[in-house]
Amino acid sequence: MKTLYEKHHSEGLEIICISVDIHKNEWVATVEELIIDEWYNIWAAQNYEDEAGPFTKNDGYSNFYFGAIPQTLLIDRDGIIIGSWIESTPENEESLDRLLVEKLNQYKIEDASEE
């Protein structure tokens, strides 16, 4: 994700990580250790105590979680999920990158025609 972010952030890519880690302090330390605090990191387990608890109907977890960790969703600027990958593999990363390049190029063309 860091490579994709560095490669495409200037073109409009934003990353939002939603964590369901129960222990917030450990999660915060990991975000800092991995130096992934340059994008949005949301801790969705705020309703946890020591076990799973209810989530609100408006949180990212309830709206986008499909039952796998880790899961990557590519959401276009209209809020439509246009890609989904389960697990972090080189093949999934290549597929995500291809779709991301395609979509960013499409946006460039659309934006240029609107000018």
PDB file of N, CA and C in Angstrom:
ATOM      1  N   MET A   1       0.830  -1.191   0.000  1.00  0.00           N
ATOM      2  CA  MET A   1       0.000   0.000   0.000  1.00  0.00           C
ATOM      3  C   MET A   1       0.874   1.254   0.000  1.00  0.00           C
ATOM      4  N   LYS A   2       2.004   1.181   0.705  1.00  0.00           N
ATOM      5  CA  LYS A   2       2.892   2.341   0.733  1.00  0.00           C
ATOM      6  C   LYS A   2       3.388   2.668  -0.670  1.00  0.00           C
ATOM      7  N   THR A   3       3.752   1.651  -1.428  1.00  0.00           N
ATOM      8  CA  THR A   3       4.241   1.865  -2.792  1.00  0.00           C
ATOM      9  C   THR A   3       3.153   2.487  -3.657  1.00  0.00           C
ATOM     10  N   LEU A   4       1.945   1.946  -3.568  1.00  0.00           N
ATOM     11  CA  LEU A   4       0.834   2.502  -4.349  1.00  0.00           C
ATOM     12  C   LEU A   4       0.540   3.937  -3.947  1.00  0.00           C
ATOM     13  N   TYR A   5       0.586   4.203  -2.656  1.00  0.00           N
ATOM     14  CA  TYR A   5       0.322   5.555  -2.170  1.00  0.00           C
ATOM     15  C   TYR A   5       1.360   6.534  -2.705  1.00  0.00           C
ATOM     16  N   GLU A   6       2.632   6.162  -2.599  1.00  0.00           N
ATOM     17  CA  GLU A   6       3.697   7.040  -3.087  1.00  0.00           C
ATOM     18  C   GLU A   6       3.591   7.250  -4.593  1.00  0.00           C
ATOM     19  N   LYS A   7       3.203   6.220  -5.312  1.00  0.00           N
ATOM     20  CA  LYS A   7       3.107   6.271  -6.772  1.00  0.00           C
ATOM     21  C   LYS A   7       1.915   7.100  -7.254  1.00  0.00           C
ATOM     22  N   HIS A   8       0.787   7.033  -6.550  1.00  0.00           N
ATOM     23  CA  HIS A   8      -0.454   7.600  -7.079  1.00  0.00           C
ATOM     24  C   HIS A   8      -1.088   8.712  -6.240  1.00  0.00           C
ATOM     25  N   HIS A   9      -0.538   9.011  -5.085  1.00  0.00           N
ATOM     26  CA  HIS A   9      -1.156  10.037  -4.247  1.00  0.00           C
ATOM     27  C   HIS A   9      -1.248  11.388  -4.960  1.00  0.00           C
ATOM     28  N   SER A  10      -0.213  11.761  -5.677  1.00  0.00           N
ATOM     29  CA  SER A  10      -0.225  13.046  -6.382  1.00  0.00           C
ATOM     30  C   SER A  10      -1.278  13.093  -7.487  1.00  0.00           C
ATOM     31  N   GLU A  11      -1.775  11.915  -7.893  1.00  0.00           N
ATOM     32  CA  GLU A  11      -2.811  11.840  -8.920  1.00  0.00           C
ATOM     33  C   GLU A  11      -4.215  11.785  -8.318  1.00  0.00           C
ATOM     34  N   GLY A  12      -4.292  11.783  -6.989  1.00  0.00           N
ATOM     35  CA  GLY A  12      -5.594  11.795  -6.347  1.00  0.00           C
ATOM     36  C   GLY A  12      -5.910  10.608  -5.464  1.00  0.00           C
ATOM     37  N   LEU A  13      -5.018   9.628  -5.384  1.00  0.00           N
ATOM     38  CA  LEU A  13      -5.284   8.461  -4.546  1.00  0.00           C
ATOM     39  C   LEU A  13      -5.255   8.851  -3.072  1.00  0.00           C
ATOM     40  N   GLU A  14      -6.273   8.448  -2.352  1.00  0.00           N
ATOM     41  CA  GLU A  14      -6.306   8.553  -0.901  1.00  0.00           C
ATOM     42  C   GLU A  14      -6.517   7.150  -0.354  1.00  0.00           C
ATOM     43  N   ILE A  15      -5.883   6.852   0.750  1.00  0.00           N
ATOM     44  CA  ILE A  15      -6.038   5.552   1.394  1.00  0.00           C
ATOM     45  C   ILE A  15      -6.683   5.773   2.753  1.00  0.00           C
ATOM     46  N   ILE A  16      -7.666   4.938   3.028  1.00  0.00           N
ATOM     47  CA  ILE A  16      -8.320   4.946   4.324  1.00  0.00           C
ATOM     48  C   ILE A  16      -8.208   3.532   4.877  1.00  0.00           C
ATOM     49  N   CYS A  17      -7.508   3.386   5.982  1.00  0.00           N
ATOM     50  CA  CYS A  17      -7.391   2.083   6.639  1.00  0.00           C
ATOM     51  C   CYS A  17      -8.371   2.053   7.799  1.00  0.00           C
ATOM     52  N   ILE A  18      -9.172   1.010   7.828  1.00  0.00           N
ATOM     53  CA  ILE A  18     -10.120   0.838   8.917  1.00  0.00           C
ATOM     54  C   ILE A  18      -9.680  -0.383   9.709  1.00  0.00           C
ATOM     55  N   SER A  19      -9.348  -0.155  10.960  1.00  0.00           N
ATOM     56  CA  SER A  19      -8.849  -1.226  11.810  1.00  0.00           C
ATOM     57  C   SER A  19      -9.931  -1.685  12.773  1.00  0.00           C
ATOM     58  N   VAL A  20      -9.995  -2.997  12.956  1.00  0.00           N
ATOM     59  CA  VAL A  20     -10.902  -3.561  13.953  1.00  0.00           C
ATOM     60  C   VAL A  20     -10.104  -4.193  15.092  1.00  0.00           C
ATOM     61  N   ASP A  21      -8.832  -3.781  15.214  1.00  0.00           N
ATOM     62  CA  ASP A  21      -8.020  -4.252  16.333  1.00  0.00           C
ATOM     63  C   ASP A  21      -8.679  -3.851  17.644  1.00  0.00           C
ATOM     64  N   ILE A  22      -8.747  -4.786  18.564  1.00  0.00           N
ATOM     65  CA  ILE A  22      -9.398  -4.510  19.840  1.00  0.00           C
ATOM     66  C   ILE A  22      -8.558  -3.577  20.705  1.00  0.00           C
ATOM     67  N   HIS A  23      -7.243  -3.737  20.688  1.00  0.00           N
ATOM     68  CA  HIS A  23      -6.365  -2.971  21.571  1.00  0.00           C
ATOM     69  C   HIS A  23      -5.840  -1.740  20.840  1.00  0.00           C
ATOM     70  N   LYS A  24      -6.435  -0.609  21.129  1.00  0.00           N
ATOM     71  CA  LYS A  24      -6.125   0.626  20.413  1.00  0.00           C
ATOM     72  C   LYS A  24      -4.658   1.024  20.536  1.00  0.00           C
ATOM     73  N   ASN A  25      -4.088   0.951  21.712  1.00  0.00           N
ATOM     74  CA  ASN A  25      -2.696   1.381  21.890  1.00  0.00           C
ATOM     75  C   ASN A  25      -1.726   0.560  21.046  1.00  0.00           C
ATOM     76  N   GLU A  26      -1.964  -0.739  20.942  1.00  0.00           N
ATOM     77  CA  GLU A  26      -1.126  -1.590  20.102  1.00  0.00           C
ATOM     78  C   GLU A  26      -1.287  -1.214  18.636  1.00  0.00           C
ATOM     79  N   TRP A  27      -2.513  -0.920  18.216  1.00  0.00           N
ATOM     80  CA  TRP A  27      -2.781  -0.518  16.844  1.00  0.00           C
ATOM     81  C   TRP A  27      -2.082   0.808  16.524  1.00  0.00           C
ATOM     82  N   VAL A  28      -2.190   1.793  17.419  1.00  0.00           N
ATOM     83  CA  VAL A  28      -1.542   3.089  17.213  1.00  0.00           C
ATOM     84  C   VAL A  28      -0.032   2.904  17.084  1.00  0.00           C
ATOM     85  N   ALA A  29       0.549   2.074  17.937  1.00  0.00           N
ATOM     86  CA  ALA A  29       1.989   1.823  17.883  1.00  0.00           C
ATOM     87  C   ALA A  29       2.388   1.185  16.551  1.00  0.00           C
ATOM     88  N   THR A  30       1.574   0.286  16.042  1.00  0.00           N
ATOM     89  CA  THR A  30       1.863  -0.357  14.759  1.00  0.00           C
ATOM     90  C   THR A  30       1.783   0.642  13.613  1.00  0.00           C
ATOM     91  N   VAL A  31       0.786   1.509  13.621  1.00  0.00           N
ATOM     92  CA  VAL A  31       0.672   2.546  12.593  1.00  0.00           C
ATOM     93  C   VAL A  31       1.924   3.408  12.581  1.00  0.00           C
ATOM     94  N   GLU A  32       2.385   3.790  13.747  1.00  0.00           N
ATOM     95  CA  GLU A  32       3.598   4.614  13.847  1.00  0.00           C
ATOM     96  C   GLU A  32       4.841   3.831  13.427  1.00  0.00           C
ATOM     97  N   GLU A  33       4.933   2.579  13.851  1.00  0.00           N
ATOM     98  CA  GLU A  33       6.093   1.748  13.524  1.00  0.00           C
ATOM     99  C   GLU A  33       6.210   1.513  12.016  1.00  0.00           C
ATOM    100  N   LEU A  34       5.081   1.259  11.364  1.00  0.00           N
ATOM    101  CA  LEU A  34       5.085   0.984   9.923  1.00  0.00           C
ATOM    102  C   LEU A  34       5.110   2.258   9.081  1.00  0.00           C
ATOM    103  N   ILE A  35       5.043   3.387   9.749  1.00  0.00           N
ATOM    104  CA  ILE A  35       5.027   4.705   9.102  1.00  0.00           C
ATOM    105  C   ILE A  35       3.914   4.760   8.035  1.00  0.00           C
ATOM    106  N   ILE A  36       2.718   4.419   8.480  1.00  0.00           N
ATOM    107  CA  ILE A  36       1.559   4.497   7.583  1.00  0.00           C
ATOM    108  C   ILE A  36       0.582   5.563   8.084  1.00  0.00           C
ATOM    109  N   ASP A  37       1.133   6.545   8.787  1.00  0.00           N
ATOM    110  CA  ASP A  37       0.287   7.612   9.292  1.00  0.00           C
ATOM    111  C   ASP A  37       0.133   8.750   8.290  1.00  0.00           C
ATOM    112  N   GLU A  38       0.652   8.545   7.071  1.00  0.00           N
ATOM    113  CA  GLU A  38       0.515   9.568   6.039  1.00  0.00           C
ATOM    114  C   GLU A  38      -0.860   9.517   5.361  1.00  0.00           C
ATOM    115  N   TRP A  39      -1.587   8.446   5.560  1.00  0.00           N
ATOM    116  CA  TRP A  39      -2.953   8.382   5.060  1.00  0.00           C
ATOM    117  C   TRP A  39      -3.914   8.263   6.232  1.00  0.00           C
ATOM    118  N   TYR A  40      -5.191   8.142   5.929  1.00  0.00           N
ATOM    119  CA  TYR A  40      -6.223   8.102   6.969  1.00  0.00           C
ATOM    120  C   TYR A  40      -6.254   6.731   7.628  1.00  0.00           C
ATOM    121  N   ASN A  41      -6.210   6.719   8.934  1.00  0.00           N
ATOM    122  CA  ASN A  41      -6.306   5.493   9.716  1.00  0.00           C
ATOM    123  C   ASN A  41      -7.451   5.673  10.704  1.00  0.00           C
ATOM    124  N   ILE A  42      -8.407   4.773  10.619  1.00  0.00           N
ATOM    125  CA  ILE A  42      -9.594   4.866  11.471  1.00  0.00           C
ATOM    126  C   ILE A  42      -9.670   3.622  12.333  1.00  0.00           C
ATOM    127  N   TRP A  43      -9.811   3.837  13.597  1.00  0.00           N
ATOM    128  CA  TRP A  43      -9.979   2.731  14.530  1.00  0.00           C
ATOM    129  C   TRP A  43     -11.473   2.519  14.717  1.00  0.00           C
ATOM    130  N   ALA A  44     -11.999   1.455  14.133  1.00  0.00           N
ATOM    131  CA  ALA A  44     -13.443   1.205  14.155  1.00  0.00           C
ATOM    132  C   ALA A  44     -13.892   0.374  15.334  1.00  0.00           C
ATOM    133  N   ALA A  45     -12.983   0.032  16.199  1.00  0.00           N
ATOM    134  CA  ALA A  45     -13.338  -0.826  17.328  1.00  0.00           C
ATOM    135  C   ALA A  45     -13.610  -0.026  18.592  1.00  0.00           C
ATOM    136  N   GLN A  46     -13.935   1.257  18.457  1.00  0.00           N
ATOM    137  CA  GLN A  46     -14.155   2.082  19.643  1.00  0.00           C
ATOM    138  C   GLN A  46     -15.329   1.603  20.482  1.00  0.00           C
ATOM    139  N   ASN A  47     -16.186   0.788  19.917  1.00  0.00           N
ATOM    140  CA  ASN A  47     -17.302   0.259  20.686  1.00  0.00           C
ATOM    141  C   ASN A  47     -16.959  -1.058  21.370  1.00  0.00           C
ATOM    142  N   TYR A  48     -15.698  -1.495  21.221  1.00  0.00           N
ATOM    143  CA  TYR A  48     -15.236  -2.705  21.888  1.00  0.00           C
ATOM    144  C   TYR A  48     -14.824  -2.384  23.316  1.00  0.00           C
ATOM    145  N   GLU A  49     -14.948  -3.353  24.159  1.00  0.00           N
ATOM    146  CA  GLU A  49     -14.315  -3.312  25.484  1.00  0.00           C
ATOM    147  C   GLU A  49     -13.214  -4.356  25.370  1.00  0.00           C
ATOM    148  N   ASP A  50     -13.504  -5.582  25.726  1.00  0.00           N
ATOM    149  CA  ASP A  50     -12.546  -6.667  25.534  1.00  0.00           C
ATOM    150  C   ASP A  50     -13.054  -7.677  24.514  1.00  0.00           C
ATOM    151  N   GLU A  51     -14.176  -7.404  23.951  1.00  0.00           N
ATOM    152  CA  GLU A  51     -14.734  -8.304  22.939  1.00  0.00           C
ATOM    153  C   GLU A  51     -15.570  -7.468  21.985  1.00  0.00           C
ATOM    154  N   ALA A  52     -16.027  -8.094  20.925  1.00  0.00           N
ATOM    155  CA  ALA A  52     -16.782  -7.365  19.906  1.00  0.00           C
ATOM    156  C   ALA A  52     -18.026  -6.731  20.491  1.00  0.00           C
ATOM    157  N   GLY A  53     -18.315  -5.552  20.023  1.00  0.00           N
ATOM    158  CA  GLY A  53     -19.505  -4.839  20.458  1.00  0.00           C
ATOM    159  C   GLY A  53     -20.245  -4.297  19.253  1.00  0.00           C
ATOM    160  N   PRO A  54     -21.304  -3.588  19.486  1.00  0.00           N
ATOM    161  CA  PRO A  54     -22.093  -3.077  18.361  1.00  0.00           C
ATOM    162  C   PRO A  54     -21.378  -1.920  17.650  1.00  0.00           C
ATOM    163  N   PHE A  55     -21.558  -1.847  16.365  1.00  0.00           N
ATOM    164  CA  PHE A  55     -21.043  -0.736  15.581  1.00  0.00           C
ATOM    165  C   PHE A  55     -22.213   0.136  15.179  1.00  0.00           C
ATOM    166  N   THR A  56     -21.942   1.391  14.913  1.00  0.00           N
ATOM    167  CA  THR A  56     -23.012   2.279  14.486  1.00  0.00           C
ATOM    168  C   THR A  56     -23.307   2.039  13.017  1.00  0.00           C
ATOM    169  N   LYS A  57     -24.487   2.428  12.579  1.00  0.00           N
ATOM    170  CA  LYS A  57     -24.865   2.184  11.188  1.00  0.00           C
ATOM    171  C   LYS A  57     -24.085   3.057  10.210  1.00  0.00           C
ATOM    172  N   ASN A  58     -23.384   4.065  10.690  1.00  0.00           N
ATOM    173  CA  ASN A  58     -22.664   4.968   9.799  1.00  0.00           C
ATOM    174  C   ASN A  58     -21.158   4.773   9.786  1.00  0.00           C
ATOM    175  N   ASP A  59     -20.637   3.774  10.482  1.00  0.00           N
ATOM    176  CA  ASP A  59     -19.182   3.630  10.487  1.00  0.00           C
ATOM    177  C   ASP A  59     -18.696   2.840   9.271  1.00  0.00           C
ATOM    178  N   GLY A  60     -17.417   2.989   8.985  1.00  0.00           N
ATOM    179  CA  GLY A  60     -16.830   2.337   7.819  1.00  0.00           C
ATOM    180  C   GLY A  60     -16.912   0.829   7.890  1.00  0.00           C
ATOM    181  N   TYR A  61     -16.755   0.296   9.081  1.00  0.00           N
ATOM    182  CA  TYR A  61     -16.796  -1.153   9.260  1.00  0.00           C
ATOM    183  C   TYR A  61     -18.146  -1.705   8.815  1.00  0.00           C
ATOM    184  N   SER A  62     -19.207  -1.118   9.290  1.00  0.00           N
ATOM    185  CA  SER A  62     -20.542  -1.615   8.961  1.00  0.00           C
ATOM    186  C   SER A  62     -20.858  -1.441   7.487  1.00  0.00           C
ATOM    187  N   ASN A  63     -20.345  -0.385   6.883  1.00  0.00           N
ATOM    188  CA  ASN A  63     -20.680  -0.090   5.501  1.00  0.00           C
ATOM    189  C   ASN A  63     -19.826  -0.825   4.479  1.00  0.00           C
ATOM    190  N   PHE A  64     -18.598  -1.221   4.844  1.00  0.00           N
ATOM    191  CA  PHE A  64     -17.706  -1.782   3.839  1.00  0.00           C
ATOM    192  C   PHE A  64     -17.085  -3.126   4.194  1.00  0.00           C
ATOM    193  N   TYR A  65     -17.295  -3.659   5.387  1.00  0.00           N
ATOM    194  CA  TYR A  65     -16.653  -4.912   5.764  1.00  0.00           C
ATOM    195  C   TYR A  65     -17.383  -6.092   5.132  1.00  0.00           C
ATOM    196  N   PHE A  66     -16.619  -6.982   4.501  1.00  0.00           N
ATOM    197  CA  PHE A  66     -17.207  -8.117   3.811  1.00  0.00           C
ATOM    198  C   PHE A  66     -16.806  -9.458   4.389  1.00  0.00           C
ATOM    199  N   GLY A  67     -16.118  -9.482   5.516  1.00  0.00           N
ATOM    200  CA  GLY A  67     -15.840 -10.741   6.173  1.00  0.00           C
ATOM    201  C   GLY A  67     -14.417 -11.260   6.054  1.00  0.00           C
ATOM    202  N   ALA A  68     -13.482 -10.442   5.612  1.00  0.00           N
ATOM    203  CA  ALA A  68     -12.098 -10.901   5.498  1.00  0.00           C
ATOM    204  C   ALA A  68     -11.146  -9.815   5.983  1.00  0.00           C
ATOM    205  N   ILE A  69     -10.051 -10.254   6.589  1.00  0.00           N
ATOM    206  CA  ILE A  69      -9.008  -9.326   7.024  1.00  0.00           C
ATOM    207  C   ILE A  69      -7.682  -9.917   6.581  1.00  0.00           C
ATOM    208  N   PRO A  70      -6.842  -9.205   5.869  1.00  0.00           N
ATOM    209  CA  PRO A  70      -7.081  -7.860   5.346  1.00  0.00           C
ATOM    210  C   PRO A  70      -7.887  -7.912   4.052  1.00  0.00           C
ATOM    211  N   GLN A  71      -8.580  -6.847   3.809  1.00  0.00           N
ATOM    212  CA  GLN A  71      -9.340  -6.692   2.582  1.00  0.00           C
ATOM    213  C   GLN A  71      -9.082  -5.296   2.046  1.00  0.00           C
ATOM    214  N   THR A  72      -8.900  -5.204   0.745  1.00  0.00           N
ATOM    215  CA  THR A  72      -8.676  -3.923   0.096  1.00  0.00           C
ATOM    216  C   THR A  72      -9.853  -3.645  -0.822  1.00  0.00           C
ATOM    217  N   LEU A  73     -10.430  -2.466  -0.679  1.00  0.00           N
ATOM    218  CA  LEU A  73     -11.507  -2.036  -1.557  1.00  0.00           C
ATOM    219  C   LEU A  73     -11.031  -0.817  -2.323  1.00  0.00           C
ATOM    220  N   LEU A  74     -11.321  -0.774  -3.605  1.00  0.00           N
ATOM    221  CA  LEU A  74     -11.059   0.421  -4.394  1.00  0.00           C
ATOM    222  C   LEU A  74     -12.410   1.085  -4.626  1.00  0.00           C
ATOM    223  N   ILE A  75     -12.540   2.279  -4.098  1.00  0.00           N
ATOM    224  CA  ILE A  75     -13.790   3.025  -4.163  1.00  0.00           C
ATOM    225  C   ILE A  75     -13.538   4.253  -5.011  1.00  0.00           C
ATOM    226  N   ASP A  76     -14.366   4.439  -6.038  1.00  0.00           N
ATOM    227  CA  ASP A  76     -14.139   5.580  -6.921  1.00  0.00           C
ATOM    228  C   ASP A  76     -14.635   6.867  -6.280  1.00  0.00           C
ATOM    229  N   ARG A  77     -14.439   7.978  -6.973  1.00  0.00           N
ATOM    230  CA  ARG A  77     -14.780   9.260  -6.372  1.00  0.00           C
ATOM    231  C   ARG A  77     -16.277   9.486  -6.246  1.00  0.00           C
ATOM    232  N   ASP A  78     -17.075   8.564  -6.794  1.00  0.00           N
ATOM    233  CA  ASP A  78     -18.525   8.628  -6.614  1.00  0.00           C
ATOM    234  C   ASP A  78     -18.989   7.737  -5.471  1.00  0.00           C
ATOM    235  N   GLY A  79     -18.036   7.083  -4.778  1.00  0.00           N
ATOM    236  CA  GLY A  79     -18.377   6.218  -3.658  1.00  0.00           C
ATOM    237  C   GLY A  79     -18.767   4.812  -4.052  1.00  0.00           C
ATOM    238  N   ILE A  80     -18.501   4.424  -5.296  1.00  0.00           N
ATOM    239  CA  ILE A  80     -18.837   3.091  -5.796  1.00  0.00           C
ATOM    240  C   ILE A  80     -17.632   2.169  -5.617  1.00  0.00           C
ATOM    241  N   ILE A  81     -17.854   0.985  -5.068  1.00  0.00           N
ATOM    242  CA  ILE A  81     -16.780  -0.007  -4.960  1.00  0.00           C
ATOM    243  C   ILE A  81     -16.546  -0.582  -6.346  1.00  0.00           C
ATOM    244  N   ILE A  82     -15.332  -0.375  -6.872  1.00  0.00           N
ATOM    245  CA  ILE A  82     -15.018  -0.853  -8.219  1.00  0.00           C
ATOM    246  C   ILE A  82     -14.010  -2.001  -8.200  1.00  0.00           C
ATOM    247  N   GLY A  83     -13.542  -2.386  -7.027  1.00  0.00           N
ATOM    248  CA  GLY A  83     -12.624  -3.509  -6.916  1.00  0.00           C
ATOM    249  C   GLY A  83     -12.515  -3.959  -5.481  1.00  0.00           C
ATOM    250  N   SER A  84     -12.264  -5.250  -5.303  1.00  0.00           N
ATOM    251  CA  SER A  84     -12.136  -5.807  -3.963  1.00  0.00           C
ATOM    252  C   SER A  84     -11.122  -6.941  -4.008  1.00  0.00           C
ATOM    253  N   TRP A  85     -10.190  -6.925  -3.057  1.00  0.00           N
ATOM    254  CA  TRP A  85      -9.155  -7.945  -2.977  1.00  0.00           C
ATOM    255  C   TRP A  85      -9.055  -8.429  -1.542  1.00  0.00           C
ATOM    256  N   ILE A  86      -8.982  -9.742  -1.384  1.00  0.00           N
ATOM    257  CA  ILE A  86      -8.811 -10.336  -0.067  1.00  0.00           C
ATOM    258  C   ILE A  86      -7.384 -10.862   0.016  1.00  0.00           C
ATOM    259  N   GLU A  87      -6.721 -10.552   1.082  1.00  0.00           N
ATOM    260  CA  GLU A  87      -5.329 -10.891   1.357  1.00  0.00           C
ATOM    261  C   GLU A  87      -4.404  -9.943   0.599  1.00  0.00           C
ATOM    262  N   SER A  88      -3.209  -9.868   1.081  1.00  0.00           N
ATOM    263  CA  SER A  88      -2.193  -9.026   0.479  1.00  0.00           C
ATOM    264  C   SER A  88      -1.205  -9.921  -0.253  1.00  0.00           C
ATOM    265  N   THR A  89      -1.376 -10.036  -1.560  1.00  0.00           N
ATOM    266  CA  THR A  89      -0.487 -10.870  -2.376  1.00  0.00           C
ATOM    267  C   THR A  89       0.070 -10.015  -3.509  1.00  0.00           C
ATOM    268  N   PRO A  90       1.191 -10.424  -4.088  1.00  0.00           N
ATOM    269  CA  PRO A  90       1.716  -9.679  -5.234  1.00  0.00           C
ATOM    270  C   PRO A  90       0.714  -9.602  -6.389  1.00  0.00           C
ATOM    271  N   GLU A  91      -0.023 -10.682  -6.609  1.00  0.00           N
ATOM    272  CA  GLU A  91      -1.019 -10.690  -7.691  1.00  0.00           C
ATOM    273  C   GLU A  91      -2.128  -9.676  -7.421  1.00  0.00           C
ATOM    274  N   ASN A  92      -2.601  -9.632  -6.182  1.00  0.00           N
ATOM    275  CA  ASN A  92      -3.652  -8.675  -5.833  1.00  0.00           C
ATOM    276  C   ASN A  92      -3.145  -7.247  -5.949  1.00  0.00           C
ATOM    277  N   GLU A  93      -1.904  -7.025  -5.528  1.00  0.00           N
ATOM    278  CA  GLU A  93      -1.336  -5.679  -5.621  1.00  0.00           C
ATOM    279  C   GLU A  93      -1.199  -5.236  -7.075  1.00  0.00           C
ATOM    280  N   GLU A  94      -0.765  -6.144  -7.955  1.00  0.00           N
ATOM    281  CA  GLU A  94      -0.654  -5.828  -9.380  1.00  0.00           C
ATOM    282  C   GLU A  94      -2.028  -5.531  -9.984  1.00  0.00           C
ATOM    283  N   SER A  95      -3.013  -6.327  -9.619  1.00  0.00           N
ATOM    284  CA  SER A  95      -4.373  -6.125 -10.115  1.00  0.00           C
ATOM    285  C   SER A  95      -4.930  -4.783  -9.650  1.00  0.00           C
ATOM    286  N   LEU A  96      -4.719  -4.461  -8.378  1.00  0.00           N
ATOM    287  CA  LEU A  96      -5.152  -3.180  -7.828  1.00  0.00           C
ATOM    288  C   LEU A  96      -4.468  -2.038  -8.557  1.00  0.00           C
ATOM    289  N   ASP A  97      -3.163  -2.152  -8.769  1.00  0.00           N
ATOM    290  CA  ASP A  97      -2.415  -1.102  -9.446  1.00  0.00           C
ATOM    291  C   ASP A  97      -2.937  -0.890 -10.867  1.00  0.00           C
ATOM    292  N   ARG A  98      -3.190  -1.966 -11.601  1.00  0.00           N
ATOM    293  CA  ARG A  98      -3.707  -1.850 -12.981  1.00  0.00           C
ATOM    294  C   ARG A  98      -5.051  -1.121 -12.998  1.00  0.00           C
ATOM    295  N   LEU A  99      -5.966  -1.517 -12.125  1.00  0.00           N
ATOM    296  CA  LEU A  99      -7.280  -0.882 -12.086  1.00  0.00           C
ATOM    297  C   LEU A  99      -7.171   0.562 -11.634  1.00  0.00           C
ATOM    298  N   LEU A 100      -6.289   0.822 -10.708  1.00  0.00           N
ATOM    299  CA  LEU A 100      -6.079   2.179 -10.216  1.00  0.00           C
ATOM    300  C   LEU A 100      -5.543   3.080 -11.328  1.00  0.00           C
ATOM    301  N   VAL A 101      -4.552   2.616 -12.065  1.00  0.00           N
ATOM    302  CA  VAL A 101      -4.000   3.390 -13.191  1.00  0.00           C
ATOM    303  C   VAL A 101      -5.082   3.652 -14.225  1.00  0.00           C
ATOM    304  N   GLU A 102      -5.862   2.633 -14.538  1.00  0.00           N
ATOM    305  CA  GLU A 102      -6.948   2.781 -15.517  1.00  0.00           C
ATOM    306  C   GLU A 102      -7.943   3.852 -15.064  1.00  0.00           C
ATOM    307  N   LYS A 103      -8.344   3.790 -13.814  1.00  0.00           N
ATOM    308  CA  LYS A 103      -9.335   4.737 -13.303  1.00  0.00           C
ATOM    309  C   LYS A 103      -8.762   6.151 -13.211  1.00  0.00           C
ATOM    310  N   LEU A 104      -7.526   6.288 -12.748  1.00  0.00           N
ATOM    311  CA  LEU A 104      -6.915   7.620 -12.659  1.00  0.00           C
ATOM    312  C   LEU A 104      -6.743   8.235 -14.045  1.00  0.00           C
ATOM    313  N   ASN A 105      -6.383   7.416 -15.043  1.00  0.00           N
ATOM    314  CA  ASN A 105      -6.281   7.925 -16.419  1.00  0.00           C
ATOM    315  C   ASN A 105      -7.641   8.363 -16.946  1.00  0.00           C
ATOM    316  N   GLN A 106      -8.663   7.596 -16.615  1.00  0.00           N
ATOM    317  CA  GLN A 106     -10.031   7.964 -17.017  1.00  0.00           C
ATOM    318  C   GLN A 106     -10.420   9.308 -16.411  1.00  0.00           C
ATOM    319  N   TYR A 107     -10.089   9.518 -15.140  1.00  0.00           N
ATOM    320  CA  TYR A 107     -10.397  10.787 -14.480  1.00  0.00           C
ATOM    321  C   TYR A 107      -9.664  11.949 -15.144  1.00  0.00           C
ATOM    322  N   LYS A 108      -8.393  11.726 -15.527  1.00  0.00           N
ATOM    323  CA  LYS A 108      -7.632  12.781 -16.197  1.00  0.00           C
ATOM    324  C   LYS A 108      -8.316  13.208 -17.487  1.00  0.00           C
ATOM    325  N   ILE A 109      -8.772  12.220 -18.255  1.00  0.00           N
ATOM    326  CA  ILE A 109      -9.446  12.506 -19.527  1.00  0.00           C
ATOM    327  C   ILE A 109     -10.762  13.231 -19.274  1.00  0.00           C
ATOM    328  N   GLU A 110     -11.541  12.744 -18.309  1.00  0.00           N
ATOM    329  CA  GLU A 110     -12.819  13.387 -17.988  1.00  0.00           C
ATOM    330  C   GLU A 110     -12.615  14.811 -17.508  1.00  0.00           C
ATOM    331  N   ASP A 111     -11.643  15.018 -16.611  1.00  0.00           N
ATOM    332  CA  ASP A 111     -11.392  16.335 -16.066  1.00  0.00           C
ATOM    333  C   ASP A 111     -10.912  17.295 -17.147  1.00  0.00           C
ATOM    334  N   ALA A 112     -10.081  16.805 -18.076  1.00  0.00           N
ATOM    335  CA  ALA A 112      -9.571  17.651 -19.155  1.00  0.00           C
ATOM    336  C   ALA A 112     -10.691  18.067 -20.110  1.00  0.00           C
ATOM    337  N   SER A 113     -11.642  17.161 -20.335  1.00  0.00           N
ATOM    338  CA  SER A 113     -12.740  17.495 -21.249  1.00  0.00           C
ATOM    339  C   SER A 113     -13.735  18.471 -20.623  1.00  0.00           C
ATOM    340  N   GLU A 114     -13.759  18.548 -19.295  1.00  0.00           N
ATOM    341  CA  GLU A 114     -14.637  19.479 -18.607  1.00  0.00           C
ATOM    342  C   GLU A 114     -14.073  20.895 -18.582  1.00  0.00           C
ATOM    343  N   GLU A 115     -12.789  21.042 -18.845  1.00  0.00           N
ATOM    344  CA  GLU A 115     -12.152  22.368 -18.787  1.00  0.00           C
ATOM    345  C   GLU A 115     -12.433  23.188 -19.995  1.00  0.00           C
TER     346      GLU A 115
END
